């Protein structure tokens, strides 16, 4: 990944979404050639010279001071995830986080936890949204990741490349775009991850919507939210998911899909659990 180009595109897309009125600046009488703020307006808001901000946006200024980064984050109204992404893009080449070469493994205690959470879908995700482990309800509600080759067990690959996902994920476009934003955040964190680059290349070629979402430079950290699916046997399923960073491995995330007690989804999930329960003695 060309970090200078990534930084330039990120800053440009962030300033393009903010109007002068939103930033508290007078709109001015002259026509604007580009949407959002101009470079000189961002520089004024951040308290730096236009020449310096231009060099920064072009990747020619070196690492700015923490005070300048904070000022830019405020001027561009960056979210916490965007602020982290900016730090990743500004990291010196020698200090950029390196993606570990060893494959990720889920420790036995975490596998046991997934089995204990037998009443709701739960899965462990690793780098690149790789599915490292999933309980039987997660495999039933999304797709049977265990039946796929190990290299194909990936949430982004399922959402964006599996035709069944467009039918099963009720708000597919929104969730697919969020998944791309998660990948974009990770690309800034691990710019030398070859497998991530290969995944992005495949998604670019095979998913018509991917390039537009990727070029938006939106970033997102998986934390919590809502998920809705259409199961072919039990109908609509609505979950409130929570994500937890796994102690001992910050690149692993435990995702639990909770259900409202007494809701139609709770009844449907209970039915699915009874259908997929392992035989006694198995």
Protein backbone atom coordinates (compact mmCIF):
# COMPACT_ATOMS: atom_id res chain seq x y z
CA UNK A 1 0.00 0.00 0.00
CA UNK A 2 1.35 3.42 -0.99
CA UNK A 3 1.01 5.23 2.33
CA UNK A 4 1.53 8.70 0.84
CA UNK A 5 -1.27 8.12 -1.63
CA UNK A 6 -3.48 6.61 1.08
CA UNK A 7 -2.90 9.60 3.35
CA UNK A 8 -3.65 12.06 0.56
CA UNK A 9 -6.88 10.29 -0.39
CA UNK A 10 -7.98 9.96 3.23
CA UNK A 11 -7.48 13.64 4.02
CA UNK A 12 -9.08 14.70 0.74
CA UNK A 13 -12.19 12.56 1.27
CA UNK A 14 -12.51 13.74 4.89
CA UNK A 15 -12.45 17.43 3.97
CA UNK A 16 -14.80 16.83 1.02
CA UNK A 17 -17.61 15.77 3.34
CA UNK A 18 -17.56 18.96 5.47
CA UNK A 19 -19.27 22.15 4.27
CA UNK A 20 -17.99 25.59 5.25
CA UNK A 21 -21.21 26.13 7.18
CA UNK A 22 -20.63 22.96 9.20
CA UNK A 23 -17.09 24.15 9.97
CA UNK A 24 -18.31 27.61 11.02
CA UNK A 25 -16.75 29.34 8.03
CA UNK A 26 -18.44 31.82 5.67
CA UNK A 27 -19.42 30.14 2.41
CA UNK A 28 -17.94 32.96 0.31
CA UNK A 29 -19.17 34.20 -3.02
CA UNK A 30 -16.97 32.30 -5.45
CA UNK A 31 -18.01 28.99 -6.92
CA UNK A 32 -16.36 25.87 -5.53
CA UNK A 33 -14.64 23.46 -7.87
CA UNK A 34 -14.64 20.65 -5.31
CA UNK A 35 -17.13 19.63 -2.63
CA UNK A 36 -16.47 20.39 1.01
CA UNK A 37 -13.62 22.42 2.43
CA UNK A 38 -10.69 23.74 0.45
CA UNK A 39 -7.13 23.10 1.60
CA UNK A 40 -6.67 26.67 2.78
CA UNK A 41 -9.82 26.38 4.90
CA UNK A 42 -8.63 23.18 6.57
CA UNK A 43 -5.27 24.84 7.19
CA UNK A 44 -6.97 27.88 8.75
CA UNK A 45 -9.10 25.70 11.03
CA UNK A 46 -6.06 23.66 12.10
CA UNK A 47 -3.84 26.69 12.64
CA UNK A 48 -1.21 25.75 10.06
CA UNK A 49 -0.13 27.31 6.80
CA UNK A 50 -1.81 26.33 3.55
CA UNK A 51 1.60 25.37 2.15
CA UNK A 52 2.24 23.02 5.08
CA UNK A 53 -1.18 21.37 4.85
CA UNK A 54 -0.76 20.96 1.09
CA UNK A 55 2.57 19.20 1.62
CA UNK A 56 0.98 17.03 4.30
CA UNK A 57 -1.90 16.03 2.05
CA UNK A 58 0.61 15.20 -0.67
CA UNK A 59 2.71 13.09 1.71
CA UNK A 60 5.69 15.45 1.55
CA UNK A 61 5.81 16.94 5.05
CA UNK A 62 7.06 14.10 7.22
CA UNK A 63 5.49 13.23 10.54
CA UNK A 64 3.54 16.20 12.02
CA UNK A 65 3.66 16.93 15.73
CA UNK A 66 0.96 15.50 18.03
CA UNK A 67 -0.45 19.01 18.40
CA UNK A 68 -0.86 19.39 14.64
CA UNK A 69 -2.44 15.94 14.34
CA UNK A 70 -4.94 16.84 17.06
CA UNK A 71 -5.71 20.15 15.35
CA UNK A 72 -6.27 18.39 12.02
CA UNK A 73 -8.49 15.78 13.63
CA UNK A 74 -10.61 18.55 15.10
CA UNK A 75 -10.74 20.54 11.87
CA UNK A 76 -11.79 17.47 9.87
CA UNK A 77 -14.13 16.26 12.62
CA UNK A 78 -12.58 12.82 12.68
CA UNK A 79 -14.26 10.04 14.61
CA UNK A 80 -12.15 7.99 17.06
CA UNK A 81 -11.75 5.29 14.40
CA UNK A 82 -10.71 7.85 11.80
CA UNK A 83 -8.28 9.40 14.27
CA UNK A 84 -6.65 6.01 14.82
CA UNK A 85 -6.50 5.47 11.07
CA UNK A 86 -4.80 8.82 10.59
CA UNK A 87 -2.15 7.83 13.14
CA UNK A 88 -1.58 4.56 11.27
CA UNK A 89 -1.19 6.36 7.95
CA UNK A 90 1.25 8.85 9.48
CA UNK A 91 3.43 6.17 11.10
CA UNK A 92 6.99 6.19 9.90
CA UNK A 93 7.75 3.25 7.57
CA UNK A 94 10.03 1.61 10.11
CA UNK A 95 7.43 1.92 12.84
CA UNK A 96 4.37 0.68 10.96
CA UNK A 97 2.79 -2.34 12.57
CA UNK A 98 3.86 -5.57 10.91
CA UNK A 99 1.35 -8.33 10.37
CA UNK A 100 2.55 -11.48 12.17
CA UNK A 101 3.51 -14.25 9.78
CA UNK A 102 2.19 -17.09 11.95
CA UNK A 103 -1.44 -18.12 11.41
CA UNK A 104 -3.84 -17.16 14.16
CA UNK A 105 -5.07 -19.84 16.54
CA UNK A 106 -7.99 -19.82 18.95
CA UNK A 107 -6.96 -21.11 22.35
CA UNK A 108 -8.88 -24.07 23.86
CA UNK A 109 -10.58 -21.98 26.53
CA UNK A 110 -12.10 -19.73 23.89
CA UNK A 111 -13.35 -22.73 21.92
CA UNK A 112 -14.98 -23.94 25.13
CA UNK A 113 -16.63 -20.55 25.60
CA UNK A 114 -18.17 -20.79 22.12
CA UNK A 115 -19.64 -24.18 23.03
CA UNK A 116 -21.01 -22.72 26.26
CA UNK A 117 -22.74 -19.95 24.28
CA UNK A 118 -24.98 -22.52 22.62
CA UNK A 119 -28.18 -20.43 22.90
CA UNK A 120 -26.95 -17.56 20.66
CA UNK A 121 -24.70 -17.27 17.58
CA UNK A 122 -21.09 -16.48 18.45
CA UNK A 123 -17.84 -16.49 16.51
CA UNK A 124 -14.21 -15.43 16.83
CA UNK A 125 -12.84 -13.20 14.09
CA UNK A 126 -9.19 -12.54 13.38
CA UNK A 127 -7.30 -10.27 11.04
CA UNK A 128 -8.95 -9.46 7.70
CA UNK A 129 -12.32 -10.62 9.20
CA UNK A 130 -11.08 -14.24 9.03
CA UNK A 131 -13.44 -16.59 10.85
CA UNK A 132 -11.22 -18.44 13.31
CA UNK A 133 -14.04 -20.30 15.08
CA UNK A 134 -17.85 -20.28 15.06
CA UNK A 135 -20.45 -22.10 17.12
CA UNK A 136 -23.21 -24.09 15.47
CA UNK A 137 -25.81 -21.30 15.63
CA UNK A 138 -23.43 -18.84 13.96
CA UNK A 139 -22.85 -21.36 11.19
CA UNK A 140 -26.62 -21.84 10.85
CA UNK A 141 -27.53 -18.15 10.82
CA UNK A 142 -24.72 -16.92 8.52
CA UNK A 143 -23.14 -19.78 6.59
CA UNK A 144 -21.34 -23.00 7.45
CA UNK A 145 -17.81 -21.66 7.62
CA UNK A 146 -16.52 -25.03 8.82
CA UNK A 147 -17.56 -26.58 5.51
CA UNK A 148 -15.36 -24.12 3.58
CA UNK A 149 -11.63 -24.48 2.94
CA UNK A 150 -9.68 -22.74 5.70
CA UNK A 151 -8.52 -19.98 3.32
CA UNK A 152 -12.13 -19.17 2.42
CA UNK A 153 -13.47 -18.71 5.97
CA UNK A 154 -13.85 -14.96 5.99
CA UNK A 155 -16.79 -12.66 6.78
CA UNK A 156 -15.92 -10.09 4.10
CA UNK A 157 -15.65 -12.83 1.51
CA UNK A 158 -19.06 -14.20 2.57
CA UNK A 159 -20.82 -10.82 2.59
CA UNK A 160 -19.35 -9.54 -0.68
CA UNK A 161 -18.82 -12.63 -2.82
CA UNK A 162 -21.40 -15.23 -1.77
CA UNK A 163 -24.65 -14.65 -3.73
CA UNK A 164 -26.61 -16.15 -0.83
CA UNK A 165 -25.48 -13.32 1.45
CA UNK A 166 -27.44 -10.74 -0.54
CA UNK A 167 -30.60 -12.67 0.28
CA UNK A 168 -29.72 -13.68 3.82
CA UNK A 169 -28.44 -10.31 5.10
CA UNK A 170 -31.54 -8.10 5.24
CA UNK A 171 -29.67 -4.77 5.15
CA UNK A 172 -26.98 -6.15 2.88
CA UNK A 173 -25.73 -2.92 1.33
CA UNK A 174 -25.21 -1.22 4.70
CA UNK A 175 -23.52 -4.22 6.32
CA UNK A 176 -21.35 -4.92 3.29
CA UNK A 177 -20.17 -1.30 3.22
CA UNK A 178 -19.39 -1.49 6.96
CA UNK A 179 -17.34 -4.62 6.35
CA UNK A 180 -15.30 -2.77 3.72
CA UNK A 181 -14.72 0.03 6.26
CA UNK A 182 -13.41 -2.56 8.73
CA UNK A 183 -10.98 -3.84 6.09
CA UNK A 184 -9.89 -0.28 5.30
CA UNK A 185 -9.05 0.34 8.98
CA UNK A 186 -7.01 -2.85 9.05
CA UNK A 187 -5.18 -1.94 5.85
CA UNK A 188 -3.94 1.21 7.57
CA UNK A 189 -2.89 -0.79 10.62
CA UNK A 190 -1.06 -3.51 8.68
CA UNK A 191 0.04 -2.02 5.34
CA UNK A 192 2.36 -4.94 4.55
CA UNK A 193 -0.22 -7.72 5.07
CA UNK A 194 0.06 -9.72 1.84
CA UNK A 195 -3.06 -11.80 2.48
CA UNK A 196 -5.11 -8.67 3.10
CA UNK A 197 -3.82 -7.19 -0.16
CA UNK A 198 -4.81 -10.39 -1.97
CA UNK A 199 -8.29 -10.27 -0.43
CA UNK A 200 -8.75 -6.63 -1.44
CA UNK A 201 -7.62 -7.48 -4.97
CA UNK A 202 -10.10 -10.34 -5.24
CA UNK A 203 -12.95 -8.23 -3.87
CA UNK A 204 -12.08 -5.48 -6.34
CA UNK A 205 -12.36 -7.88 -9.25
CA UNK A 206 -15.41 -9.84 -8.16
CA UNK A 207 -17.67 -7.44 -6.23
CA UNK A 208 -19.08 -4.58 -8.35
CA UNK A 209 -19.77 -2.37 -5.31
CA UNK A 210 -16.44 -2.86 -3.58
CA UNK A 211 -14.32 -0.25 -5.38
CA UNK A 212 -16.76 2.57 -4.63
CA UNK A 213 -16.88 1.70 -0.93
CA UNK A 214 -13.11 1.23 -0.74
CA UNK A 215 -12.45 4.59 -2.37
CA UNK A 216 -14.73 6.31 0.17
CA UNK A 217 -11.93 5.70 2.72
CA UNK A 218 -14.47 5.14 5.50
CA UNK A 219 -13.08 3.23 8.48
CA UNK A 220 -14.85 1.35 11.24
CA UNK A 221 -13.90 -0.64 14.31
CA UNK A 222 -16.18 -3.56 15.12
CA UNK A 223 -17.78 -2.88 18.54
CA UNK A 224 -21.54 -3.31 18.76
CA UNK A 225 -24.68 -2.78 16.74
CA UNK A 226 -27.61 -4.53 15.09
CA UNK A 227 -27.65 -7.39 12.62
CA UNK A 228 -30.65 -8.76 10.73
CA UNK A 229 -30.85 -11.92 8.66
CA UNK A 230 -33.47 -13.83 6.71
CA UNK A 231 -33.19 -17.54 7.47
CA UNK A 232 -34.80 -19.82 4.86
CA UNK A 233 -36.50 -21.94 7.54
CA UNK A 234 -37.44 -19.62 10.41
CA UNK A 235 -37.70 -16.20 8.73
CA UNK A 236 -36.35 -12.90 9.97
CA UNK A 237 -33.79 -12.83 12.78
CA UNK A 238 -32.79 -9.64 14.58
CA UNK A 239 -29.74 -9.49 16.83
CA UNK A 240 -27.92 -6.96 18.99
CA UNK A 241 -24.27 -7.92 18.64
CA UNK A 242 -21.41 -7.12 20.97
CA UNK A 243 -17.73 -7.51 20.12
CA UNK A 244 -14.95 -8.07 22.65
CA UNK A 245 -11.23 -7.93 22.09
CA UNK A 246 -9.74 -11.25 23.21
CA UNK A 247 -7.25 -10.83 26.08
CA UNK A 248 -3.80 -11.91 24.98
CA UNK A 249 -4.44 -11.31 21.27
CA UNK A 250 -5.70 -7.85 20.26
CA UNK A 251 -6.22 -9.10 16.70
CA UNK A 252 -8.91 -11.57 17.78
CA UNK A 253 -12.49 -10.48 18.44
CA UNK A 254 -15.28 -12.46 20.10
CA UNK A 255 -18.62 -11.51 18.49
CA UNK A 256 -21.83 -12.50 20.29
CA UNK A 257 -25.24 -12.10 18.67
CA UNK A 258 -27.70 -11.46 21.50
CA UNK A 259 -31.49 -11.77 21.25
CA UNK A 260 -34.25 -10.01 23.12
CA UNK A 261 -35.87 -12.46 25.57
CA UNK A 262 -39.41 -13.36 24.58
CA UNK A 263 -39.02 -11.92 21.08
CA UNK A 264 -39.89 -13.76 17.84
CA UNK A 265 -36.16 -14.00 17.17
CA UNK A 266 -35.61 -15.70 20.54
CA UNK A 267 -38.27 -18.27 19.66
CA UNK A 268 -36.77 -18.81 16.19
CA UNK A 269 -33.22 -19.17 17.54
CA UNK A 270 -34.46 -21.65 20.14
CA UNK A 271 -36.02 -23.67 17.32
CA UNK A 272 -32.81 -23.55 15.32
CA UNK A 273 -30.85 -24.68 18.36
CA UNK A 274 -33.11 -27.69 18.80
CA UNK A 275 -32.70 -28.64 15.14
CA UNK A 276 -28.93 -28.35 15.17
CA UNK A 277 -28.26 -29.84 18.62
CA UNK A 278 -25.58 -32.51 18.65
CA UNK A 279 -26.92 -36.02 19.31
CA UNK A 280 -26.48 -37.30 22.84
CA UNK A 281 -23.13 -39.04 23.23
CA UNK A 282 -21.67 -37.34 20.15
